[in-house]
């Protein structure tokens, strides 16, 4: 039974990795056709590829982390800053998601202000 759980978790992680590999491959393909040109948002193509990799890795980590609902959290990355949005069931899940994202290599900071706990809007600062 334990082997079945490992296989299922591995298959889920592999599926997530494949699902999110497309944006990464597109960013890399752009990098090959446009060497080191800056876009209008002042981010180089290699930076965009790194951001796509970080986003993919964070989503993959969520998929394999117990207590984090990967399907309810959206992830975006810009210049190494990960932004999490969506809904989590508890404050503990929100903190766990932040901690998991922060541990991914290349992440400079994590913004969880867009994560709602239990369907409630985030508290105003």
PDB file of N, CA and C in Angstrom:
ATOM      1  N   UNK A   1       0.820  -1.192   0.000  1.00  0.00           N
ATOM      2  CA  UNK A   1       0.000   0.000   0.000  1.00  0.00           C
ATOM      3  C   UNK A   1       0.865   1.258   0.000  1.00  0.00           C
ATOM      4  N   UNK A   2       1.992   1.201   0.735  1.00  0.00           N
ATOM      5  CA  UNK A   2       2.902   2.348   0.812  1.00  0.00           C
ATOM      6  C   UNK A   2       3.516   2.632  -0.558  1.00  0.00           C
ATOM      7  N   UNK A   3       3.827   1.577  -1.313  1.00  0.00           N
ATOM      8  CA  UNK A   3       4.402   1.733  -2.648  1.00  0.00           C
ATOM      9  C   UNK A   3       3.401   2.404  -3.578  1.00  0.00           C
ATOM     10  N   UNK A   4       2.127   2.027  -3.453  1.00  0.00           N
ATOM     11  CA  UNK A   4       1.086   2.637  -4.276  1.00  0.00           C
ATOM     12  C   UNK A   4       1.030   4.145  -4.034  1.00  0.00           C
ATOM     13  N   UNK A   5       1.128   4.572  -2.791  1.00  0.00           N
ATOM     14  CA  UNK A   5       1.088   5.994  -2.460  1.00  0.00           C
ATOM     15  C   UNK A   5       2.280   6.718  -3.060  1.00  0.00           C
ATOM     16  N   UNK A   6       3.457   6.120  -2.970  1.00  0.00           N
ATOM     17  CA  UNK A   6       4.652   6.735  -3.563  1.00  0.00           C
ATOM     18  C   UNK A   6       4.515   6.857  -5.069  1.00  0.00           C
ATOM     19  N   UNK A   7       4.019   5.799  -5.695  1.00  0.00           N
ATOM     20  CA  UNK A   7       3.853   5.819  -7.152  1.00  0.00           C
ATOM     21  C   UNK A   7       2.841   6.894  -7.544  1.00  0.00           C
ATOM     22  N   UNK A   8       1.720   6.944  -6.812  1.00  0.00           N
ATOM     23  CA  UNK A   8       0.689   7.939  -7.112  1.00  0.00           C
ATOM     24  C   UNK A   8       1.230   9.357  -6.949  1.00  0.00           C
ATOM     25  N   UNK A   9       1.981   9.598  -5.879  1.00  0.00           N
ATOM     26  CA  UNK A   9       2.562  10.916  -5.641  1.00  0.00           C
ATOM     27  C   UNK A   9       3.563  11.260  -6.735  1.00  0.00           C
ATOM     28  N   UNK A  10       4.376  10.284  -7.117  1.00  0.00           N
ATOM     29  CA  UNK A  10       5.357  10.509  -8.182  1.00  0.00           C
ATOM     30  C   UNK A  10       4.677  10.815  -9.508  1.00  0.00           C
ATOM     31  N   UNK A  11       3.612  10.096  -9.809  1.00  0.00           N
ATOM     32  CA  UNK A  11       2.885  10.323 -11.058  1.00  0.00           C
ATOM     33  C   UNK A  11       2.253  11.714 -11.061  1.00  0.00           C
ATOM     34  N   UNK A  12       1.703  12.125  -9.926  1.00  0.00           N
ATOM     35  CA  UNK A  12       1.093  13.448  -9.819  1.00  0.00           C
ATOM     36  C   UNK A  12       2.152  14.532 -10.023  1.00  0.00           C
ATOM     37  N   UNK A  13       3.311  14.360  -9.375  1.00  0.00           N
ATOM     38  CA  UNK A  13       4.388  15.340  -9.507  1.00  0.00           C
ATOM     39  C   UNK A  13       4.882  15.406 -10.949  1.00  0.00           C
ATOM     40  N   UNK A  14       5.011  14.245 -11.588  1.00  0.00           N
ATOM     41  CA  UNK A  14       5.457  14.216 -12.981  1.00  0.00           C
ATOM     42  C   UNK A  14       4.437  14.906 -13.883  1.00  0.00           C
ATOM     43  N   UNK A  15       3.150  14.671 -13.613  1.00  0.00           N
ATOM     44  CA  UNK A  15       2.103  15.323 -14.405  1.00  0.00           C
ATOM     45  C   UNK A  15       2.138  16.829 -14.258  1.00  0.00           C
ATOM     46  N   UNK A  16       2.327  17.289 -13.018  1.00  0.00           N
ATOM     47  CA  UNK A  16       2.431  18.738 -12.799  1.00  0.00           C
ATOM     48  C   UNK A  16       3.636  19.312 -13.521  1.00  0.00           C
ATOM     49  N   UNK A  17       4.760  18.617 -13.412  1.00  0.00           N
ATOM     50  CA  UNK A  17       5.972  19.105 -14.062  1.00  0.00           C
ATOM     51  C   UNK A  17       5.771  19.216 -15.570  1.00  0.00           C
ATOM     52  N   UNK A  18       5.140  18.208 -16.164  1.00  0.00           N
ATOM     53  CA  UNK A  18       4.885  18.257 -17.604  1.00  0.00           C
ATOM     54  C   UNK A  18       3.902  19.364 -17.965  1.00  0.00           C
ATOM     55  N   UNK A  19       2.886  19.533 -17.139  1.00  0.00           N
ATOM     56  CA  UNK A  19       1.867  20.548 -17.424  1.00  0.00           C
ATOM     57  C   UNK A  19       2.441  21.959 -17.399  1.00  0.00           C
ATOM     58  N   UNK A  20       3.431  22.158 -16.560  1.00  0.00           N
ATOM     59  CA  UNK A  20       3.983  23.500 -16.428  1.00  0.00           C
ATOM     60  C   UNK A  20       5.298  23.661 -17.175  1.00  0.00           C
ATOM     61  N   UNK A  21       5.724  22.626 -17.893  1.00  0.00           N
ATOM     62  CA  UNK A  21       6.965  22.709 -18.655  1.00  0.00           C
ATOM     63  C   UNK A  21       6.777  23.533 -19.935  1.00  0.00           C
ATOM     64  N   UNK A  22       5.569  23.586 -20.449  1.00  0.00           N
ATOM     65  CA  UNK A  22       5.316  24.327 -21.688  1.00  0.00           C
ATOM     66  C   UNK A  22       5.713  25.792 -21.584  1.00  0.00           C
ATOM     67  N   UNK A  23       5.293  26.528 -20.536  1.00  0.00           N
ATOM     68  CA  UNK A  23       5.721  27.932 -20.456  1.00  0.00           C
ATOM     69  C   UNK A  23       7.241  28.060 -20.381  1.00  0.00           C
ATOM     70  N   UNK A  24       7.881  27.122 -19.697  1.00  0.00           N
ATOM     71  CA  UNK A  24       9.339  27.150 -19.592  1.00  0.00           C
ATOM     72  C   UNK A  24       9.970  26.911 -20.955  1.00  0.00           C
ATOM     73  N   UNK A  25       9.468  25.920 -21.706  1.00  0.00           N
ATOM     74  CA  UNK A  25      10.042  25.640 -23.015  1.00  0.00           C
ATOM     75  C   UNK A  25       9.811  26.800 -23.977  1.00  0.00           C
ATOM     76  N   UNK A  26       8.661  27.472 -23.864  1.00  0.00           N
ATOM     77  CA  UNK A  26       8.398  28.631 -24.718  1.00  0.00           C
ATOM     78  C   UNK A  26       9.361  29.767 -24.382  1.00  0.00           C
ATOM     79  N   UNK A  27       9.629  29.967 -23.112  1.00  0.00           N
ATOM     80  CA  UNK A  27      10.560  31.019 -22.711  1.00  0.00           C
ATOM     81  C   UNK A  27      11.965  30.705 -23.207  1.00  0.00           C
ATOM     82  N   UNK A  28      12.354  29.436 -23.142  1.00  0.00           N
ATOM     83  CA  UNK A  28      13.681  29.042 -23.624  1.00  0.00           C
ATOM     84  C   UNK A  28      13.755  29.203 -25.137  1.00  0.00           C
ATOM     85  N   UNK A  29      12.682  28.822 -25.838  1.00  0.00           N
ATOM     86  CA  UNK A  29      12.650  28.973 -27.289  1.00  0.00           C
ATOM     87  C   UNK A  29      12.763  30.440 -27.688  1.00  0.00           C
ATOM     88  N   UNK A  30      12.110  31.315 -26.955  1.00  0.00           N
ATOM     89  CA  UNK A  30      12.226  32.743 -27.230  1.00  0.00           C
ATOM     90  C   UNK A  30      13.664  33.191 -27.018  1.00  0.00           C
ATOM     91  N   UNK A  31      14.302  32.650 -26.003  1.00  0.00           N
ATOM     92  CA  UNK A  31      15.685  33.008 -25.698  1.00  0.00           C
ATOM     93  C   UNK A  31      16.619  32.630 -26.832  1.00  0.00           C
ATOM     94  N   UNK A  32      16.338  31.524 -27.515  1.00  0.00           N
ATOM     95  CA  UNK A  32      17.183  31.087 -28.616  1.00  0.00           C
ATOM     96  C   UNK A  32      17.011  31.987 -29.837  1.00  0.00           C
ATOM     97  N   UNK A  33      15.792  32.492 -30.042  1.00  0.00           N
ATOM     98  CA  UNK A  33      15.554  33.317 -31.216  1.00  0.00           C
ATOM     99  C   UNK A  33      15.806  34.804 -30.973  1.00  0.00           C
ATOM    100  N   UNK A  34      15.845  35.214 -29.717  1.00  0.00           N
ATOM    101  CA  UNK A  34      16.059  36.619 -29.386  1.00  0.00           C
ATOM    102  C   UNK A  34      17.155  36.716 -28.333  1.00  0.00           C
ATOM    103  N   UNK A  35      18.417  36.708 -28.735  1.00  0.00           N
ATOM    104  CA  UNK A  35      19.500  36.673 -27.758  1.00  0.00           C
ATOM    105  C   UNK A  35      19.582  37.940 -26.914  1.00  0.00           C
ATOM    106  N   UNK A  36      19.326  37.788 -25.628  1.00  0.00           N
ATOM    107  CA  UNK A  36      19.532  38.813 -24.607  1.00  0.00           C
ATOM    108  C   UNK A  36      18.871  40.158 -24.901  1.00  0.00           C
ATOM    109  N   UNK A  37      17.748  40.163 -25.602  1.00  0.00           N
ATOM    110  CA  UNK A  37      17.036  41.415 -25.808  1.00  0.00           C
ATOM    111  C   UNK A  37      16.181  41.695 -24.585  1.00  0.00           C
ATOM    112  N   UNK A  38      16.059  42.950 -24.272  1.00  0.00           N
ATOM    113  CA  UNK A  38      15.205  43.323 -23.146  1.00  0.00           C
ATOM    114  C   UNK A  38      13.789  43.561 -23.660  1.00  0.00           C
ATOM    115  N   UNK A  39      12.817  43.108 -22.857  1.00  0.00           N
ATOM    116  CA  UNK A  39      11.428  43.336 -23.229  1.00  0.00           C
ATOM    117  C   UNK A  39      10.971  44.670 -22.656  1.00  0.00           C
ATOM    118  N   UNK A  40       9.702  44.962 -22.868  1.00  0.00           N
ATOM    119  CA  UNK A  40       9.184  46.243 -22.405  1.00  0.00           C
ATOM    120  C   UNK A  40       9.119  46.338 -20.888  1.00  0.00           C
ATOM    121  N   UNK A  41       9.144  45.201 -20.184  1.00  0.00           N
ATOM    122  CA  UNK A  41       9.105  45.254 -18.724  1.00  0.00           C
ATOM    123  C   UNK A  41      10.506  45.173 -18.116  1.00  0.00           C
ATOM    124  N   UNK A  42      11.535  45.420 -18.918  1.00  0.00           N
ATOM    125  CA  UNK A  42      12.925  45.456 -18.472  1.00  0.00           C
ATOM    126  C   UNK A  42      13.409  44.140 -17.885  1.00  0.00           C
ATOM    127  N   UNK A  43      12.868  43.024 -18.327  1.00  0.00           N
ATOM    128  CA  UNK A  43      13.294  41.717 -17.863  1.00  0.00           C
ATOM    129  C   UNK A  43      13.853  40.962 -19.064  1.00  0.00           C
ATOM    130  N   UNK A  44      15.074  40.442 -18.933  1.00  0.00           N
ATOM    131  CA  UNK A  44      15.697  39.730 -20.042  1.00  0.00           C
ATOM    132  C   UNK A  44      15.040  38.372 -20.221  1.00  0.00           C
ATOM    133  N   UNK A  45      15.253  37.791 -21.396  1.00  0.00           N
ATOM    134  CA  UNK A  45      14.683  36.477 -21.687  1.00  0.00           C
ATOM    135  C   UNK A  45      15.192  35.425 -20.700  1.00  0.00           C
ATOM    136  N   UNK A  46      16.499  35.393 -20.370  1.00  0.00           N
ATOM    137  CA  UNK A  46      16.936  34.419 -19.368  1.00  0.00           C
ATOM    138  C   UNK A  46      16.249  34.613 -18.017  1.00  0.00           C
ATOM    139  N   UNK A  47      15.968  35.859 -17.641  1.00  0.00           N
ATOM    140  CA  UNK A  47      15.249  36.113 -16.393  1.00  0.00           C
ATOM    141  C   UNK A  47      13.834  35.544 -16.466  1.00  0.00           C
ATOM    142  N   UNK A  48      13.187  35.689 -17.623  1.00  0.00           N
ATOM    143  CA  UNK A  48      11.842  35.144 -17.791  1.00  0.00           C
ATOM    144  C   UNK A  48      11.871  33.629 -17.720  1.00  0.00           C
ATOM    145  N   UNK A  49      12.902  33.015 -18.294  1.00  0.00           N
ATOM    146  CA  UNK A  49      13.028  31.559 -18.224  1.00  0.00           C
ATOM    147  C   UNK A  49      13.238  31.117 -16.779  1.00  0.00           C
ATOM    148  N   UNK A  50      14.037  31.857 -16.036  1.00  0.00           N
ATOM    149  CA  UNK A  50      14.266  31.534 -14.625  1.00  0.00           C
ATOM    150  C   UNK A  50      12.966  31.671 -13.844  1.00  0.00           C
ATOM    151  N   UNK A  51      12.200  32.706 -14.120  1.00  0.00           N
ATOM    152  CA  UNK A  51      10.917  32.900 -13.445  1.00  0.00           C
ATOM    153  C   UNK A  51       9.949  31.763 -13.778  1.00  0.00           C
ATOM    154  N   UNK A  52       9.931  31.343 -15.041  1.00  0.00           N
ATOM    155  CA  UNK A  52       9.061  30.232 -15.440  1.00  0.00           C
ATOM    156  C   UNK A  52       9.477  28.949 -14.721  1.00  0.00           C
ATOM    157  N   UNK A  53      10.783  28.736 -14.589  1.00  0.00           N
ATOM    158  CA  UNK A  53      11.283  27.554 -13.877  1.00  0.00           C
ATOM    159  C   UNK A  53      10.864  27.608 -12.409  1.00  0.00           C
ATOM    160  N   UNK A  54      11.001  28.771 -11.785  1.00  0.00           N
ATOM    161  CA  UNK A  54      10.620  28.923 -10.378  1.00  0.00           C
ATOM    162  C   UNK A  54       9.133  28.637 -10.206  1.00  0.00           C
ATOM    163  N   UNK A  55       8.294  29.199 -11.083  1.00  0.00           N
ATOM    164  CA  UNK A  55       6.852  28.968 -11.010  1.00  0.00           C
ATOM    165  C   UNK A  55       6.544  27.477 -11.117  1.00  0.00           C
ATOM    166  N   UNK A  56       7.167  26.805 -12.075  1.00  0.00           N
ATOM    167  CA  UNK A  56       6.958  25.370 -12.260  1.00  0.00           C
ATOM    168  C   UNK A  56       7.400  24.583 -11.042  1.00  0.00           C
ATOM    169  N   UNK A  57       8.539  24.929 -10.500  1.00  0.00           N
ATOM    170  CA  UNK A  57       9.076  24.218  -9.336  1.00  0.00           C
ATOM    171  C   UNK A  57       8.180  24.429  -8.109  1.00  0.00           C
ATOM    172  N   UNK A  58       7.702  25.641  -7.889  1.00  0.00           N
ATOM    173  CA  UNK A  58       6.826  25.912  -6.744  1.00  0.00           C
ATOM    174  C   UNK A  58       5.532  25.099  -6.887  1.00  0.00           C
ATOM    175  N   UNK A  59       4.931  25.097  -8.075  1.00  0.00           N
ATOM    176  CA  UNK A  59       3.705  24.330  -8.290  1.00  0.00           C
ATOM    177  C   UNK A  59       3.944  22.842  -8.066  1.00  0.00           C
ATOM    178  N   UNK A  60       5.076  22.352  -8.525  1.00  0.00           N
ATOM    179  CA  UNK A  60       5.427  20.950  -8.330  1.00  0.00           C
ATOM    180  C   UNK A  60       5.594  20.624  -6.846  1.00  0.00           C
ATOM    181  N   UNK A  61       6.246  21.501  -6.116  1.00  0.00           N
ATOM    182  CA  UNK A  61       6.429  21.302  -4.673  1.00  0.00           C
ATOM    183  C   UNK A  61       5.078  21.308  -3.956  1.00  0.00           C
ATOM    184  N   UNK A  62       4.174  22.186  -4.366  1.00  0.00           N
ATOM    185  CA  UNK A  62       2.843  22.212  -3.768  1.00  0.00           C
ATOM    186  C   UNK A  62       2.139  20.874  -4.001  1.00  0.00           C
ATOM    187  N   UNK A  63       2.311  20.319  -5.201  1.00  0.00           N
ATOM    188  CA  UNK A  63       1.657  19.059  -5.540  1.00  0.00           C
ATOM    189  C   UNK A  63       2.138  17.886  -4.712  1.00  0.00           C
ATOM    190  N   UNK A  64       3.338  17.974  -4.193  1.00  0.00           N
ATOM    191  CA  UNK A  64       3.890  16.867  -3.416  1.00  0.00           C
ATOM    192  C   UNK A  64       3.976  17.172  -1.922  1.00  0.00           C
ATOM    193  N   UNK A  65       3.473  18.319  -1.502  1.00  0.00           N
ATOM    194  CA  UNK A  65       3.520  18.694  -0.086  1.00  0.00           C
ATOM    195  C   UNK A  65       2.177  18.423   0.575  1.00  0.00           C
ATOM    196  N   UNK A  66       2.222  17.633   1.618  1.00  0.00           N
ATOM    197  CA  UNK A  66       1.010  17.326   2.374  1.00  0.00           C
ATOM    198  C   UNK A  66       0.528  18.591   3.086  1.00  0.00           C
ATOM    199  N   UNK A  67      -0.760  18.850   3.003  1.00  0.00           N
ATOM    200  CA  UNK A  67      -1.330  19.994   3.694  1.00  0.00           C
ATOM    201  C   UNK A  67      -1.388  21.258   2.863  1.00  0.00           C
ATOM    202  N   UNK A  68      -1.012  21.173   1.574  1.00  0.00           N
ATOM    203  CA  UNK A  68      -1.104  22.331   0.681  1.00  0.00           C
ATOM    204  C   UNK A  68      -1.928  21.905  -0.532  1.00  0.00           C
ATOM    205  N   UNK A  69      -3.024  22.593  -0.775  1.00  0.00           N
ATOM    206  CA  UNK A  69      -3.900  22.274  -1.899  1.00  0.00           C
ATOM    207  C   UNK A  69      -3.391  22.969  -3.157  1.00  0.00           C
ATOM    208  N   UNK A  70      -2.630  22.231  -3.957  1.00  0.00           N
ATOM    209  CA  UNK A  70      -1.992  22.809  -5.145  1.00  0.00           C
ATOM    210  C   UNK A  70      -3.001  23.328  -6.153  1.00  0.00           C
ATOM    211  N   UNK A  71      -4.171  22.726  -6.217  1.00  0.00           N
ATOM    212  CA  UNK A  71      -5.137  23.127  -7.235  1.00  0.00           C
ATOM    213  C   UNK A  71      -5.847  24.440  -6.899  1.00  0.00           C
ATOM    214  N   UNK A  72      -5.778  24.868  -5.650  1.00  0.00           N
ATOM    215  CA  UNK A  72      -6.465  26.093  -5.246  1.00  0.00           C
ATOM    216  C   UNK A  72      -5.547  27.308  -5.155  1.00  0.00           C
ATOM    217  N   UNK A  73      -4.254  27.110  -5.446  1.00  0.00           N
ATOM    218  CA  UNK A  73      -3.279  28.203  -5.337  1.00  0.00           C
ATOM    219  C   UNK A  73      -2.674  28.475  -6.703  1.00  0.00           C
ATOM    220  N   UNK A  74      -2.755  29.719  -7.144  1.00  0.00           N
ATOM    221  CA  UNK A  74      -2.105  30.130  -8.387  1.00  0.00           C
ATOM    222  C   UNK A  74      -0.743  30.722  -8.045  1.00  0.00           C
ATOM    223  N   UNK A  75       0.229  30.462  -8.916  1.00  0.00           N
ATOM    224  CA  UNK A  75       1.594  30.914  -8.685  1.00  0.00           C
ATOM    225  C   UNK A  75       2.064  31.719  -9.881  1.00  0.00           C
ATOM    226  N   UNK A  76       2.646  32.877  -9.620  1.00  0.00           N
ATOM    227  CA  UNK A  76       3.304  33.644 -10.684  1.00  0.00           C
ATOM    228  C   UNK A  76       4.615  34.175 -10.122  1.00  0.00           C
ATOM    229  N   UNK A  77       5.569  34.378 -11.002  1.00  0.00           N
ATOM    230  CA  UNK A  77       6.893  34.822 -10.571  1.00  0.00           C
ATOM    231  C   UNK A  77       7.358  35.954 -11.470  1.00  0.00           C
ATOM    232  N   UNK A  78       7.918  36.996 -10.861  1.00  0.00           N
ATOM    233  CA  UNK A  78       8.488  38.107 -11.601  1.00  0.00           C
ATOM    234  C   UNK A  78       9.758  38.545 -10.889  1.00  0.00           C
ATOM    235  N   UNK A  79      10.885  38.437 -11.566  1.00  0.00           N
ATOM    236  CA  UNK A  79      12.191  38.785 -10.996  1.00  0.00           C
ATOM    237  C   UNK A  79      12.468  38.044  -9.692  1.00  0.00           C
ATOM    238  N   UNK A  80      12.076  36.784  -9.618  1.00  0.00           N
ATOM    239  CA  UNK A  80      12.336  35.971  -8.438  1.00  0.00           C
ATOM    240  C   UNK A  80      11.366  36.175  -7.296  1.00  0.00           C
ATOM    241  N   UNK A  81      10.401  37.084  -7.467  1.00  0.00           N
ATOM    242  CA  UNK A  81       9.390  37.321  -6.436  1.00  0.00           C
ATOM    243  C   UNK A  81       8.160  36.483  -6.793  1.00  0.00           C
ATOM    244  N   UNK A  82       7.838  35.525  -5.938  1.00  0.00           N
ATOM    245  CA  UNK A  82       6.714  34.619  -6.164  1.00  0.00           C
ATOM    246  C   UNK A  82       5.455  35.225  -5.551  1.00  0.00           C
ATOM    247  N   UNK A  83       4.385  35.276  -6.339  1.00  0.00           N
ATOM    248  CA  UNK A  83       3.100  35.774  -5.865  1.00  0.00           C
ATOM    249  C   UNK A  83       2.120  34.614  -5.843  1.00  0.00           C
ATOM    250  N   UNK A  84       1.534  34.361  -4.670  1.00  0.00           N
ATOM    251  CA  UNK A  84       0.557  33.294  -4.501  1.00  0.00           C
ATOM    252  C   UNK A  84      -0.825  33.915  -4.365  1.00  0.00           C
ATOM    253  N   UNK A  85      -1.776  33.408  -5.136  1.00  0.00           N
ATOM    254  CA  UNK A  85      -3.155  33.872  -5.058  1.00  0.00           C
ATOM    255  C   UNK A  85      -4.078  32.658  -5.022  1.00  0.00           C
ATOM    256  N   UNK A  86      -5.280  32.869  -4.542  1.00  0.00           N
ATOM    257  CA  UNK A  86      -6.248  31.778  -4.484  1.00  0.00           C
ATOM    258  C   UNK A  86      -6.835  31.647  -3.097  1.00  0.00           C
ATOM    259  N   UNK A  87      -7.278  30.425  -2.791  1.00  0.00           N
ATOM    260  CA  UNK A  87      -7.938  30.171  -1.518  1.00  0.00           C
ATOM    261  C   UNK A  87      -7.296  28.976  -0.826  1.00  0.00           C
ATOM    262  N   UNK A  88      -7.043  29.124   0.464  1.00  0.00           N
ATOM    263  CA  UNK A  88      -6.563  28.029   1.298  1.00  0.00           C
ATOM    264  C   UNK A  88      -7.561  27.844   2.441  1.00  0.00           C
ATOM    265  N   UNK A  89      -7.548  26.661   3.049  1.00  0.00           N
ATOM    266  CA  UNK A  89      -8.555  26.386   4.076  1.00  0.00           C
ATOM    267  C   UNK A  89      -8.191  26.962   5.436  1.00  0.00           C
ATOM    268  N   UNK A  90      -6.897  27.088   5.745  1.00  0.00           N
ATOM    269  CA  UNK A  90      -6.499  27.572   7.071  1.00  0.00           C
ATOM    270  C   UNK A  90      -5.306  28.522   6.970  1.00  0.00           C
ATOM    271  N   UNK A  91      -5.076  29.253   8.035  1.00  0.00           N
ATOM    272  CA  UNK A  91      -3.898  30.117   8.118  1.00  0.00           C
ATOM    273  C   UNK A  91      -2.628  29.275   8.096  1.00  0.00           C
ATOM    274  N   UNK A  92      -2.687  28.080   8.697  1.00  0.00           N
ATOM    275  CA  UNK A  92      -1.540  27.176   8.705  1.00  0.00           C
ATOM    276  C   UNK A  92      -1.175  26.754   7.285  1.00  0.00           C
ATOM    277  N   UNK A  93      -2.176  26.469   6.452  1.00  0.00           N
ATOM    278  CA  UNK A  93      -1.916  26.095   5.064  1.00  0.00           C
ATOM    279  C   UNK A  93      -1.278  27.263   4.313  1.00  0.00           C
ATOM    280  N   UNK A  94      -1.729  28.474   4.601  1.00  0.00           N
ATOM    281  CA  UNK A  94      -1.161  29.662   3.964  1.00  0.00           C
ATOM    282  C   UNK A  94       0.319  29.801   4.333  1.00  0.00           C
ATOM    283  N   UNK A  95       0.621  29.617   5.616  1.00  0.00           N
ATOM    284  CA  UNK A  95       2.018  29.733   6.062  1.00  0.00           C
ATOM    285  C   UNK A  95       2.865  28.600   5.486  1.00  0.00           C
ATOM    286  N   UNK A  96       2.293  27.392   5.393  1.00  0.00           N
ATOM    287  CA  UNK A  96       3.023  26.260   4.824  1.00  0.00           C
ATOM    288  C   UNK A  96       3.329  26.522   3.347  1.00  0.00           C
ATOM    289  N   UNK A  97       2.357  27.052   2.611  1.00  0.00           N
ATOM    290  CA  UNK A  97       2.563  27.361   1.193  1.00  0.00           C
ATOM    291  C   UNK A  97       3.669  28.414   1.031  1.00  0.00           C
ATOM    292  N   UNK A  98       3.663  29.411   1.895  1.00  0.00           N
ATOM    293  CA  UNK A  98       4.698  30.442   1.833  1.00  0.00           C
ATOM    294  C   UNK A  98       6.072  29.834   2.102  1.00  0.00           C
ATOM    295  N   UNK A  99       6.144  28.980   3.116  1.00  0.00           N
ATOM    296  CA  UNK A  99       7.414  28.353   3.486  1.00  0.00           C
ATOM    297  C   UNK A  99       7.941  27.462   2.360  1.00  0.00           C
ATOM    298  N   UNK A 100       7.052  26.661   1.755  1.00  0.00           N
ATOM    299  CA  UNK A 100       7.448  25.775   0.661  1.00  0.00           C
ATOM    300  C   UNK A 100       7.978  26.594  -0.520  1.00  0.00           C
ATOM    301  N   UNK A 101       7.268  27.667  -0.876  1.00  0.00           N
ATOM    302  CA  UNK A 101       7.698  28.509  -1.994  1.00  0.00           C
ATOM    303  C   UNK A 101       9.042  29.176  -1.702  1.00  0.00           C
ATOM    304  N   UNK A 102       9.227  29.631  -0.477  1.00  0.00           N
ATOM    305  CA  UNK A 102      10.460  30.328  -0.105  1.00  0.00           C
ATOM    306  C   UNK A 102      11.682  29.411  -0.212  1.00  0.00           C
ATOM    307  N   UNK A 103      11.490  28.106  -0.032  1.00  0.00           N
ATOM    308  CA  UNK A 103      12.609  27.162  -0.065  1.00  0.00           C
ATOM    309  C   UNK A 103      13.065  26.793  -1.475  1.00  0.00           C
ATOM    310  N   UNK A 104      12.306  27.201  -2.489  1.00  0.00           N
ATOM    311  CA  UNK A 104      12.690  26.898  -3.871  1.00  0.00           C
ATOM    312  C   UNK A 104      13.876  27.779  -4.274  1.00  0.00           C
ATOM    313  N   UNK A 105      14.866  27.150  -4.877  1.00  0.00           N
ATOM    314  CA  UNK A 105      16.071  27.865  -5.293  1.00  0.00           C
ATOM    315  C   UNK A 105      15.709  28.980  -6.274  1.00  0.00           C
ATOM    316  N   UNK A 106      16.251  30.168  -6.032  1.00  0.00           N
ATOM    317  CA  UNK A 106      16.017  31.309  -6.906  1.00  0.00           C
ATOM    318  C   UNK A 106      14.931  32.254  -6.424  1.00  0.00           C
ATOM    319  N   UNK A 107      14.148  31.827  -5.436  1.00  0.00           N
ATOM    320  CA  UNK A 107      13.072  32.676  -4.922  1.00  0.00           C
ATOM    321  C   UNK A 107      13.669  33.748  -4.014  1.00  0.00           C
ATOM    322  N   UNK A 108      13.389  35.006  -4.345  1.00  0.00           N
ATOM    323  CA  UNK A 108      13.880  36.125  -3.531  1.00  0.00           C
ATOM    324  C   UNK A 108      12.919  36.431  -2.387  1.00  0.00           C
ATOM    325  N   UNK A 109      11.614  36.414  -2.680  1.00  0.00           N
ATOM    326  CA  UNK A 109      10.596  36.647  -1.645  1.00  0.00           C
ATOM    327  C   UNK A 109       9.282  36.051  -2.124  1.00  0.00           C
ATOM    328  N   UNK A 110       8.344  35.930  -1.176  1.00  0.00           N
ATOM    329  CA  UNK A 110       7.034  35.362  -1.480  1.00  0.00           C
ATOM    330  C   UNK A 110       5.962  36.324  -0.991  1.00  0.00           C
ATOM    331  N   UNK A 111       5.035  36.683  -1.894  1.00  0.00           N
ATOM    332  CA  UNK A 111       3.912  37.563  -1.566  1.00  0.00           C
ATOM    333  C   UNK A 111       2.652  36.707  -1.450  1.00  0.00           C
ATOM    334  N   UNK A 112       2.100  36.618  -0.238  1.00  0.00           N
ATOM    335  CA  UNK A 112       0.891  35.825  -0.015  1.00  0.00           C
ATOM    336  C   UNK A 112      -0.338  36.706   0.225  1.00  0.00           C
ATOM    337  N   UNK A 113      -0.229  37.987  -0.074  1.00  0.00           N
ATOM    338  CA  UNK A 113      -1.353  38.886   0.200  1.00  0.00           C
ATOM    339  C   UNK A 113      -2.596  38.541  -0.621  1.00  0.00           C
ATOM    340  N   UNK A 114      -2.428  37.804  -1.705  1.00  0.00           N
ATOM    341  CA  UNK A 114      -3.561  37.410  -2.537  1.00  0.00           C
ATOM    342  C   UNK A 114      -4.170  36.080  -2.149  1.00  0.00           C
ATOM    343  N   UNK A 115      -3.621  35.419  -1.128  1.00  0.00           N
ATOM    344  CA  UNK A 115      -4.189  34.151  -0.664  1.00  0.00           C
ATOM    345  C   UNK A 115      -5.293  34.421   0.358  1.00  0.00           C
ATOM    346  N   UNK A 116      -6.490  33.914   0.082  1.00  0.00           N
ATOM    347  CA  UNK A 116      -7.599  34.068   1.005  1.00  0.00           C
ATOM    348  C   UNK A 116      -7.708  32.809   1.859  1.00  0.00           C
ATOM    349  N   UNK A 117      -7.976  32.994   3.141  1.00  0.00           N
ATOM    350  CA  UNK A 117      -8.151  31.871   4.060  1.00  0.00           C
ATOM    351  C   UNK A 117      -9.633  31.584   4.207  1.00  0.00           C
ATOM    352  N   UNK A 118     -10.021  30.369   3.841  1.00  0.00           N
ATOM    353  CA  UNK A 118     -11.423  29.957   3.994  1.00  0.00           C
ATOM    354  C   UNK A 118     -12.408  30.784   3.212  1.00  0.00           C
ATOM    355  N   UNK A 119     -12.005  31.352   2.103  1.00  0.00           N
ATOM    356  CA  UNK A 119     -12.900  32.141   1.279  1.00  0.00           C
ATOM    357  C   UNK A 119     -13.057  33.571   1.734  1.00  0.00           C
ATOM    358  N   UNK A 120     -12.372  33.958   2.803  1.00  0.00           N
ATOM    359  CA  UNK A 120     -12.439  35.322   3.288  1.00  0.00           C
ATOM    360  C   UNK A 120     -11.363  36.156   2.588  1.00  0.00           C
ATOM    361  N   UNK A 121     -11.645  37.392   2.210  1.00  0.00           N
ATOM    362  CA  UNK A 121     -10.626  38.232   1.573  1.00  0.00           C
ATOM    363  C   UNK A 121      -9.480  38.507   2.539  1.00  0.00           C
ATOM    364  N   UNK A 122      -8.259  38.709   2.005  1.00  0.00           N
ATOM    365  CA  UNK A 122      -7.123  39.001   2.886  1.00  0.00           C
ATOM    366  C   UNK A 122      -7.351  40.273   3.690  1.00  0.00           C
ATOM    367  N   UNK A 123      -6.810  40.285   4.894  1.00  0.00           N
ATOM    368  CA  UNK A 123      -6.960  41.462   5.782  1.00  0.00           C
ATOM    369  C   UNK A 123      -6.253  42.665   5.192  1.00  0.00           C
ATOM    370  N   UNK A 124      -6.862  43.822   5.333  1.00  0.00           N
ATOM    371  CA  UNK A 124      -6.251  45.074   4.865  1.00  0.00           C
ATOM    372  C   UNK A 124      -5.080  45.431   5.765  1.00  0.00           C
ATOM    373  N   UNK A 125      -4.035  45.966   5.171  1.00  0.00           N
ATOM    374  CA  UNK A 125      -2.853  46.358   5.959  1.00  0.00           C
ATOM    375  C   UNK A 125      -2.977  47.776   6.409  1.00  0.00           C
TER     376      UNK A 125
END
